[in-house]
Amino acid sequence: MHQDIVEKIKELKEAIHYFGDAECITINLFFNCEGLEITIKERTADQLKSEGVSMRNVLGEFIK
């Protein structure tokens, strides 16, 4: 992969860490010649607690 693309992906990851939502657990980015699809999944602390799950957000912090 071209180095410029790798750098931009790293910049995107840093931006997500900096501006990310505390309840966001995944961000999937898919694109091809036909378009772009972004899927964001969030879980609240109450949802995780009711399911007996501990999980980290995209920032790397445990959702409490």
C-alpha atoms as a PDB file:
ATOM      1  CA  MET A   1       0.000   0.000   0.000  1.00  0.00           C
ATOM      2  CA  HIS A   2       1.264   3.485  -0.791  1.00  0.00           C
ATOM      3  CA  GLN A   3       2.880   5.245   2.174  1.00  0.00           C
ATOM      4  CA  ASP A   4       0.576   8.290   1.847  1.00  0.00           C
ATOM      5  CA  ILE A   5      -2.466   6.049   2.332  1.00  0.00           C
ATOM      6  CA  VAL A   6      -0.884   4.397   5.382  1.00  0.00           C
ATOM      7  CA  GLU A   7      -0.187   7.850   6.872  1.00  0.00           C
ATOM      8  CA  LYS A   8      -3.756   9.046   6.298  1.00  0.00           C
ATOM      9  CA  ILE A   9      -5.152   5.904   7.930  1.00  0.00           C
ATOM     10  CA  LYS A  10      -2.926   6.558  10.953  1.00  0.00           C
ATOM     11  CA  GLU A  11      -4.149  10.171  11.058  1.00  0.00           C
ATOM     12  CA  LEU A  12      -7.756   8.960  10.939  1.00  0.00           C
ATOM     13  CA  LYS A  13      -7.103   6.568  13.817  1.00  0.00           C
ATOM     14  CA  GLU A  14      -5.563   9.396  15.868  1.00  0.00           C
ATOM     15  CA  ALA A  15      -8.547  11.657  15.118  1.00  0.00           C
ATOM     16  CA  ILE A  16     -10.944   8.913  16.222  1.00  0.00           C
ATOM     17  CA  HIS A  17      -8.992   8.493  19.465  1.00  0.00           C
ATOM     18  CA  TYR A  18      -8.968  12.247  20.057  1.00  0.00           C
ATOM     19  CA  PHE A  19     -12.596  12.997  19.167  1.00  0.00           C
ATOM     20  CA  GLY A  20     -14.075   9.551  19.829  1.00  0.00           C
ATOM     21  CA  ASP A  21     -17.244   8.913  21.787  1.00  0.00           C
ATOM     22  CA  ALA A  22     -16.732   7.111  25.105  1.00  0.00           C
ATOM     23  CA  GLU A  23     -19.407   4.525  24.194  1.00  0.00           C
ATOM     24  CA  CYS A  24     -18.182   3.795  20.651  1.00  0.00           C
ATOM     25  CA  ILE A  25     -16.784   0.263  20.437  1.00  0.00           C
ATOM     26  CA  THR A  26     -16.189  -0.143  16.679  1.00  0.00           C
ATOM     27  CA  ILE A  27     -15.997   1.912  13.523  1.00  0.00           C
ATOM     28  CA  ASN A  28     -15.990   0.049  10.225  1.00  0.00           C
ATOM     29  CA  LEU A  29     -15.107   1.885   7.041  1.00  0.00           C
ATOM     30  CA  PHE A  30     -15.691   0.192   3.692  1.00  0.00           C
ATOM     31  CA  PHE A  31     -15.308   1.748   0.305  1.00  0.00           C
ATOM     32  CA  ASN A  32     -14.964   0.636  -3.284  1.00  0.00           C
ATOM     33  CA  CYS A  33     -15.624   2.052  -6.734  1.00  0.00           C
ATOM     34  CA  GLU A  34     -19.355   2.218  -5.997  1.00  0.00           C
ATOM     35  CA  GLY A  35     -19.318   4.205  -2.774  1.00  0.00           C
ATOM     36  CA  LEU A  36     -18.582   4.444   0.920  1.00  0.00           C
ATOM     37  CA  GLU A  37     -20.132   2.776   3.955  1.00  0.00           C
ATOM     38  CA  ILE A  38     -19.416   3.726   7.564  1.00  0.00           C
ATOM     39  CA  THR A  39     -20.803   1.614  10.407  1.00  0.00           C
ATOM     40  CA  ILE A  40     -20.481   2.803  13.998  1.00  0.00           C
ATOM     41  CA  LYS A  41     -21.391   0.551  16.924  1.00  0.00           C
ATOM     42  CA  GLU A  42     -21.946   1.899  20.405  1.00  0.00           C
ATOM     43  CA  ARG A  43     -22.694   0.155  23.706  1.00  0.00           C
ATOM     44  CA  THR A  44     -23.750   1.898  26.877  1.00  0.00           C
ATOM     45  CA  ALA A  45     -22.458   0.914  30.291  1.00  0.00           C
ATOM     46  CA  ASP A  46     -25.971  -0.274  31.232  1.00  0.00           C
ATOM     47  CA  GLN A  47     -26.172  -2.525  28.172  1.00  0.00           C
ATOM     48  CA  LEU A  48     -22.813  -4.082  28.956  1.00  0.00           C
ATOM     49  CA  LYS A  49     -23.634  -4.489  32.632  1.00  0.00           C
ATOM     50  CA  SER A  50     -26.965  -6.224  31.906  1.00  0.00           C
ATOM     51  CA  GLU A  51     -25.147  -8.680  29.621  1.00  0.00           C
ATOM     52  CA  GLY A  52     -22.276  -9.251  32.057  1.00  0.00           C
ATOM     53  CA  VAL A  53     -19.721  -7.966  29.563  1.00  0.00           C
ATOM     54  CA  SER A  54     -16.740  -5.695  30.089  1.00  0.00           C
ATOM     55  CA  MET A  55     -15.572  -3.911  26.979  1.00  0.00           C
ATOM     56  CA  ARG A  56     -13.175  -1.197  25.869  1.00  0.00           C
ATOM     57  CA  ASN A  57     -14.187   1.676  23.643  1.00  0.00           C
ATOM     58  CA  VAL A  58     -12.194   2.883  20.613  1.00  0.00           C
ATOM     59  CA  LEU A  59     -10.229   5.109  22.979  1.00  0.00           C
ATOM     60  CA  GLY A  60      -8.957   1.999  24.790  1.00  0.00           C
ATOM     61  CA  GLU A  61     -10.830   2.811  28.009  1.00  0.00           C
ATOM     62  CA  PHE A  62     -13.154   0.371  29.752  1.00  0.00           C
ATOM     63  CA  ILE A  63     -16.790   1.427  29.441  1.00  0.00           C
ATOM     64  CA  LYS A  64     -18.020   1.848  33.015  1.00  0.00           C
END
